[in-house]
Amino acid sequence: MPSPPTTRDTRGFCVAIGPLAFALEGPALADLGLSVAVRARYARFLVGEDEGPAPVMRLVLSLAPDGAPKPDDVPRITRTGPRAFAVDYGALQAELDLAAGVGRATVLPTVYIVDSLLRIVTTLVALEHDAVLVHGSGVWLPSTGRSRVLVSFGPSGVGKTTVARSVPPADVLCDEMILLQATDEGRVLASGTPFHGDLPIVAPGTGEAAALVRLRHGPPSEPPVLTRLGAAASAKELLGSVLFFSRDEDLADRLLGLALRIATGRTYTLVFPRETHVPRTVHDHLRLHTPPTDEGAPRPSARG
């Protein structure tokens, strides 16, 4: 894989999401309102000249011309080369060269369009780093010293934000989108992202994914039931919550294999009444049913 760019344009700034960093620069950021809004939205994820990883992608932003159409319902992503893609999302138009680590995009002067671009780019770049973006909340599990993360996922309204609200704000990574990365050692790392939902609390920490839990509401009179899933069922449930827009067959095959690696052995369904404290329930179950970790094994770290 070609080396990513190692310099950062001082006119812009760099956003780090787990192990991935993206440099944002270009004439669009000369718009003071847009620049201030983007910096505010990603404030906790900004890294300086000598901090964090070098950017894997440098995104040069220009303002869309007057009268450019607003984004459609779903972006269209087309492969234009072995590791190159075009994005068509109304006023948001982009050419992405993953091999060179450079992308050029037109955006409207609103932070939400820049946010859409960064989400789209992250899904493509993440796959090359054995990672996916998942619609899920991430919180530090209690009594783990901020080393293990509970990722709760499922469709809108299932309780992802409620799980995030059930813990102290300092224990929240994000209520809407978590980056999951498979490692060569068979572990899965969960990283906070700036892509929050109703709860505007985000943090850039990374820890081991102790459990991936598909949330399902249950009858109020029944106790919560946590069930561990087999490999196929785990991958199926996780894929239902993966953020991914491309319909490219090669990428789809890679995504399927990666979902199996990430989900197998750590994915559960939790059927629960609304008053259930999900992190405590999952933590107690893992403490009773999971063998202790080898004390000599390396631990993931938390930043921020």
Protein backbone atom coordinates (compact mmCIF):
# COMPACT_ATOMS: atom_id res chain seq x y z
CA MET A 1 0.00 0.00 0.00
CA PRO A 2 1.43 3.42 -0.93
CA SER A 3 2.47 5.60 1.95
CA PRO A 4 -0.07 8.28 2.96
CA PRO A 5 0.84 11.96 2.89
CA THR A 6 3.08 12.95 5.78
CA THR A 7 2.60 16.72 5.75
CA ARG A 8 -0.33 18.79 6.90
CA ASP A 9 -1.41 22.01 5.24
CA THR A 10 -1.33 24.82 7.81
CA ARG A 11 -4.37 26.41 6.16
CA GLY A 12 -6.56 23.53 7.36
CA PHE A 13 -6.59 21.01 10.15
CA CYS A 14 -6.49 17.29 10.79
CA VAL A 15 -9.29 15.12 12.24
CA ALA A 16 -8.28 11.79 13.83
CA ILE A 17 -10.89 9.03 14.13
CA GLY A 18 -9.31 6.07 15.87
CA PRO A 19 -6.26 5.08 13.80
CA LEU A 20 -7.39 7.13 10.80
CA ALA A 21 -6.60 10.80 10.29
CA PHE A 22 -8.02 13.10 7.62
CA ALA A 23 -6.56 16.48 6.65
CA LEU A 24 -9.18 19.06 5.68
CA GLU A 25 -7.99 22.04 3.68
CA GLY A 26 -8.76 24.09 0.59
CA PRO A 27 -10.51 27.30 -0.43
CA ALA A 28 -13.88 26.35 1.10
CA LEU A 29 -12.35 26.84 4.55
CA ALA A 30 -11.74 30.49 3.70
CA ASP A 31 -15.45 30.85 4.48
CA LEU A 32 -15.15 31.95 8.10
CA GLY A 33 -18.53 30.61 9.16
CA LEU A 34 -17.82 27.17 7.70
CA SER A 35 -14.30 27.03 9.13
CA VAL A 36 -15.47 27.95 12.62
CA ALA A 37 -18.37 25.48 12.51
CA VAL A 38 -16.20 22.60 11.28
CA ARG A 39 -13.53 23.25 13.89
CA ALA A 40 -16.18 23.37 16.63
CA ARG A 41 -17.82 20.13 15.52
CA TYR A 42 -14.56 18.18 15.44
CA ALA A 43 -12.82 20.01 18.31
CA ARG A 44 -12.08 16.93 20.43
CA PHE A 45 -10.74 15.03 17.41
CA LEU A 46 -8.37 17.65 16.05
CA VAL A 47 -4.69 16.73 16.18
CA GLY A 48 -1.76 19.09 15.89
CA GLU A 49 1.37 19.06 13.78
CA ASP A 50 3.22 16.57 15.99
CA GLU A 51 0.27 14.59 17.36
CA GLY A 52 -1.59 11.49 16.28
CA PRO A 53 -1.23 9.53 13.04
CA ALA A 54 -0.26 11.11 9.75
CA PRO A 55 -3.33 11.61 7.55
CA VAL A 56 -4.39 8.72 5.35
CA MET A 57 -6.38 11.13 3.19
CA ARG A 58 -5.98 14.81 2.36
CA LEU A 59 -9.34 16.33 1.40
CA VAL A 60 -9.22 19.57 -0.58
CA LEU A 61 -12.56 21.35 -0.24
CA SER A 62 -14.04 23.89 -2.62
CA LEU A 63 -17.41 25.60 -2.39
CA ALA A 64 -20.10 24.27 -4.71
CA PRO A 65 -21.32 26.74 -7.35
CA ASP A 66 -24.42 28.81 -6.71
CA GLY A 67 -27.57 26.87 -7.46
CA ALA A 68 -25.97 23.46 -6.88
CA PRO A 69 -28.62 20.88 -5.89
CA LYS A 70 -29.02 19.80 -2.29
CA PRO A 71 -27.96 16.24 -1.43
CA ASP A 72 -30.21 13.37 -2.52
CA ASP A 73 -31.43 10.70 -0.12
CA VAL A 74 -28.45 8.38 -0.70
CA PRO A 75 -25.00 9.22 -2.11
CA ARG A 76 -23.92 7.40 -5.26
CA ILE A 77 -20.40 6.02 -5.20
CA THR A 78 -18.77 4.78 -8.40
CA ARG A 79 -15.42 3.06 -8.76
CA THR A 80 -13.19 4.95 -11.21
CA GLY A 81 -9.97 2.99 -10.69
CA PRO A 82 -8.48 0.15 -8.60
CA ARG A 83 -8.55 2.37 -5.50
CA ALA A 84 -10.36 5.43 -6.78
CA PHE A 85 -13.99 6.51 -6.43
CA ALA A 86 -16.37 9.27 -7.48
CA VAL A 87 -19.06 10.52 -5.10
CA ASP A 88 -22.29 12.08 -6.35
CA TYR A 89 -24.46 13.52 -3.58
CA GLY A 90 -26.08 16.60 -5.04
CA ALA A 91 -23.90 19.63 -4.31
CA LEU A 92 -21.39 17.28 -2.70
CA GLN A 93 -19.23 15.99 -5.53
CA ALA A 94 -15.92 14.27 -4.84
CA GLU A 95 -13.08 12.43 -6.56
CA LEU A 96 -11.19 10.19 -4.14
CA ASP A 97 -7.83 8.59 -4.89
CA LEU A 98 -7.16 6.25 -1.99
CA ALA A 99 -3.83 5.12 -3.45
CA ALA A 100 -2.49 8.67 -3.49
CA GLY A 101 -4.29 9.61 -0.28
CA VAL A 102 -5.89 12.67 -1.90
CA GLY A 103 -9.48 13.69 -2.48
CA ARG A 104 -11.09 16.77 -3.98
CA ALA A 105 -14.66 17.73 -3.16
CA THR A 106 -17.18 20.51 -3.61
CA VAL A 107 -19.37 21.27 -0.59
CA LEU A 108 -22.07 23.69 0.44
CA PRO A 109 -20.98 26.16 3.16
CA THR A 110 -22.52 24.10 5.95
CA VAL A 111 -20.86 21.80 8.45
CA TYR A 112 -23.44 19.08 7.79
CA ILE A 113 -22.24 18.60 4.20
CA VAL A 114 -18.62 18.41 5.35
CA ASP A 115 -19.76 15.89 7.95
CA SER A 116 -21.45 13.82 5.24
CA LEU A 117 -18.27 13.88 3.18
CA LEU A 118 -16.14 12.76 6.09
CA ARG A 119 -18.51 9.89 6.88
CA ILE A 120 -18.49 8.71 3.27
CA VAL A 121 -14.71 8.92 3.00
CA THR A 122 -14.25 7.16 6.33
CA THR A 123 -16.33 4.17 5.19
CA LEU A 124 -14.08 3.67 2.15
CA VAL A 125 -10.75 4.30 3.88
CA ALA A 126 -11.70 2.26 6.95
CA LEU A 127 -12.27 -0.89 4.90
CA GLU A 128 -8.65 -0.75 3.72
CA HIS A 129 -7.63 -0.73 7.39
CA ASP A 130 -9.89 -3.66 8.41
CA ALA A 131 -12.39 -1.29 10.01
CA VAL A 132 -16.05 -0.31 9.63
CA LEU A 133 -18.33 2.46 10.84
CA VAL A 134 -21.30 1.08 12.77
CA HIS A 135 -24.55 2.77 13.77
CA GLY A 136 -24.07 2.21 17.46
CA SER A 137 -23.28 3.81 20.78
CA GLY A 138 -20.03 3.16 22.58
CA VAL A 139 -19.49 3.45 26.34
CA TRP A 140 -16.72 2.34 28.65
CA LEU A 141 -17.80 -0.71 30.62
CA PRO A 142 -17.79 -0.15 34.40
CA SER A 143 -14.87 -1.45 36.47
CA THR A 144 -12.60 -1.99 33.44
CA GLY A 145 -10.36 1.03 33.86
CA ARG A 146 -11.43 2.42 30.48
CA SER A 147 -9.98 -0.54 28.65
CA ARG A 148 -13.14 -2.30 27.43
CA VAL A 149 -16.02 -0.88 25.44
CA LEU A 150 -19.66 -1.87 25.11
CA VAL A 151 -21.01 -1.21 21.61
CA SER A 152 -24.80 -1.22 21.41
CA PHE A 153 -26.27 -1.18 17.92
CA GLY A 154 -29.51 -1.44 16.01
CA PRO A 155 -31.97 0.72 14.05
CA SER A 156 -33.08 4.19 15.06
CA GLY A 157 -35.19 4.22 18.22
CA VAL A 158 -33.89 0.94 19.63
CA GLY A 159 -32.08 2.61 22.54
CA LYS A 160 -28.51 3.44 21.47
CA THR A 161 -28.69 6.99 22.82
CA THR A 162 -30.52 5.80 25.93
CA VAL A 163 -27.60 3.48 26.69
CA ALA A 164 -25.20 6.41 26.32
CA ARG A 165 -27.33 8.55 28.63
CA SER A 166 -27.29 5.81 31.28
CA VAL A 167 -23.58 6.34 32.09
CA PRO A 168 -21.64 9.43 33.20
CA PRO A 169 -20.78 11.74 30.27
CA ALA A 170 -17.07 11.00 30.76
CA ASP A 171 -17.77 7.33 29.93
CA VAL A 172 -19.39 8.05 26.55
CA LEU A 173 -17.47 7.63 23.29
CA CYS A 174 -20.43 8.39 21.00
CA ASP A 175 -24.17 7.70 20.87
CA GLU A 176 -24.49 7.24 17.11
CA MET A 177 -21.39 5.99 15.28
CA ILE A 178 -18.46 3.82 16.39
CA LEU A 179 -15.42 2.71 14.42
CA LEU A 180 -14.66 -1.01 14.82
CA GLN A 181 -11.28 -2.34 13.69
CA ALA A 182 -10.16 -5.97 13.54
CA THR A 183 -6.56 -6.59 14.58
CA ASP A 184 -4.13 -9.27 13.42
CA GLU A 185 -4.20 -10.67 16.97
CA GLY A 186 -7.91 -11.46 16.74
CA ARG A 187 -9.09 -8.56 18.86
CA VAL A 188 -11.51 -5.81 17.87
CA LEU A 189 -10.88 -2.19 18.84
CA ALA A 190 -13.73 0.28 19.26
CA SER A 191 -13.05 4.00 18.75
CA GLY A 192 -15.21 7.01 19.43
CA THR A 193 -16.14 9.20 16.47
CA PRO A 194 -17.34 12.80 16.14
CA PHE A 195 -20.50 11.59 14.35
CA HIS A 196 -22.93 11.98 17.24
CA GLY A 197 -26.72 11.78 17.23
CA ASP A 198 -29.12 13.29 19.77
CA LEU A 199 -26.49 13.27 22.52
CA PRO A 200 -23.74 15.76 21.61
CA ILE A 201 -21.10 14.00 23.71
CA VAL A 202 -18.14 12.45 21.91
CA ALA A 203 -14.63 11.37 22.86
CA PRO A 204 -11.64 10.08 20.86
CA GLY A 205 -10.83 7.09 23.07
CA THR A 206 -10.04 3.58 21.80
CA GLY A 207 -10.51 0.35 23.73
CA GLU A 208 -11.16 -3.32 23.18
CA ALA A 209 -14.72 -4.14 22.14
CA ALA A 210 -15.85 -6.39 24.98
CA ALA A 211 -19.30 -6.98 23.49
CA LEU A 212 -21.30 -5.95 20.43
CA VAL A 213 -24.94 -5.97 21.50
CA ARG A 214 -27.91 -5.82 19.13
CA LEU A 215 -30.63 -4.10 21.15
CA ARG A 216 -34.25 -5.26 21.04
CA HIS A 217 -37.08 -3.97 23.20
CA GLY A 218 -38.84 -6.61 25.28
CA PRO A 219 -41.98 -6.82 27.42
CA PRO A 220 -41.84 -4.57 30.52
CA SER A 221 -42.68 -7.49 32.81
CA GLU A 222 -39.86 -9.76 31.61
CA PRO A 223 -36.21 -9.68 32.77
CA PRO A 224 -33.50 -8.81 30.22
CA VAL A 225 -32.18 -11.74 28.19
CA LEU A 226 -28.67 -11.59 26.70
CA THR A 227 -27.96 -14.24 24.07
CA ARG A 228 -24.64 -14.87 22.38
CA LEU A 229 -24.92 -15.34 18.61
CA GLY A 230 -23.15 -17.73 16.27
CA ALA A 231 -20.85 -16.50 13.50
CA ALA A 232 -23.38 -16.20 10.67
CA ALA A 233 -26.06 -14.57 12.82
CA SER A 234 -23.47 -12.20 14.31
CA ALA A 235 -22.28 -11.01 10.91
CA LYS A 236 -25.84 -10.63 9.64
CA GLU A 237 -26.86 -8.48 12.60
CA LEU A 238 -23.73 -6.33 12.42
CA LEU A 239 -24.00 -5.78 8.67
CA GLY A 240 -27.51 -4.42 9.21
CA SER A 241 -25.96 -1.52 11.14
CA VAL A 242 -22.79 -0.91 9.12
CA LEU A 243 -22.63 2.46 7.38
CA PHE A 244 -21.64 1.75 3.80
CA PHE A 245 -22.86 3.31 0.56
CA SER A 246 -20.89 1.64 -2.22
CA ARG A 247 -22.48 -1.22 -4.18
CA ASP A 248 -19.16 -2.36 -5.63
CA GLU A 249 -19.04 -6.17 -5.54
CA ASP A 250 -15.37 -6.40 -4.58
CA LEU A 251 -15.90 -4.04 -1.65
CA ALA A 252 -19.04 -5.94 -0.64
CA ASP A 253 -17.11 -9.22 -0.52
CA ARG A 254 -14.40 -7.62 1.58
CA LEU A 255 -16.99 -6.10 3.88
CA LEU A 256 -18.69 -9.46 4.41
CA GLY A 257 -15.43 -11.15 5.38
CA LEU A 258 -14.52 -8.30 7.70
CA ALA A 259 -17.94 -8.40 9.37
CA LEU A 260 -17.37 -12.08 10.16
CA ARG A 261 -13.98 -11.29 11.72
CA ILE A 262 -15.35 -8.45 13.82
CA ALA A 263 -18.63 -9.98 14.93
CA THR A 264 -17.77 -13.63 15.59
CA GLY A 265 -17.44 -14.55 19.25
CA ARG A 266 -18.43 -11.19 20.71
CA THR A 267 -21.91 -10.39 19.38
CA TYR A 268 -25.10 -10.74 21.41
CA THR A 269 -28.75 -9.83 21.26
CA LEU A 270 -30.26 -8.19 24.32
CA VAL A 271 -34.04 -8.30 24.73
CA PHE A 272 -34.77 -5.87 27.53
CA PRO A 273 -37.46 -3.74 29.17
CA ARG A 274 -36.87 -0.01 28.89
CA GLU A 275 -35.80 0.46 32.52
CA THR A 276 -32.83 -1.93 32.11
CA HIS A 277 -29.39 -0.46 32.76
CA VAL A 278 -27.76 -2.04 29.72
CA PRO A 279 -24.06 -1.44 30.53
CA ARG A 280 -24.43 -2.90 34.00
CA THR A 281 -26.39 -5.89 32.66
CA VAL A 282 -23.77 -6.69 30.02
CA HIS A 283 -20.87 -6.09 32.41
CA ASP A 284 -22.32 -8.48 35.00
CA HIS A 285 -22.91 -11.14 32.35
CA LEU A 286 -19.37 -10.90 30.98
CA ARG A 287 -17.89 -11.02 34.47
CA LEU A 288 -19.74 -14.27 35.16
CA HIS A 289 -19.26 -15.94 31.78
CA THR A 290 -15.99 -14.66 30.30
CA PRO A 291 -12.61 -16.11 31.38
CA PRO A 292 -10.24 -13.46 32.80
CA THR A 293 -7.87 -11.80 30.33
CA ASP A 294 -4.22 -12.86 30.41
CA GLU A 295 -2.51 -10.24 32.54
CA GLY A 296 0.46 -10.28 30.20
CA ALA A 297 -1.61 -9.33 27.15
CA PRO A 298 -1.19 -5.79 25.85
CA ARG A 299 -4.01 -3.38 26.62
CA PRO A 300 -5.48 -0.83 24.22
CA SER A 301 -5.15 2.79 25.22
CA ALA A 302 -7.56 5.68 25.61
CA ARG A 303 -6.86 9.18 24.36
CA GLY A 304 -8.71 12.32 25.31
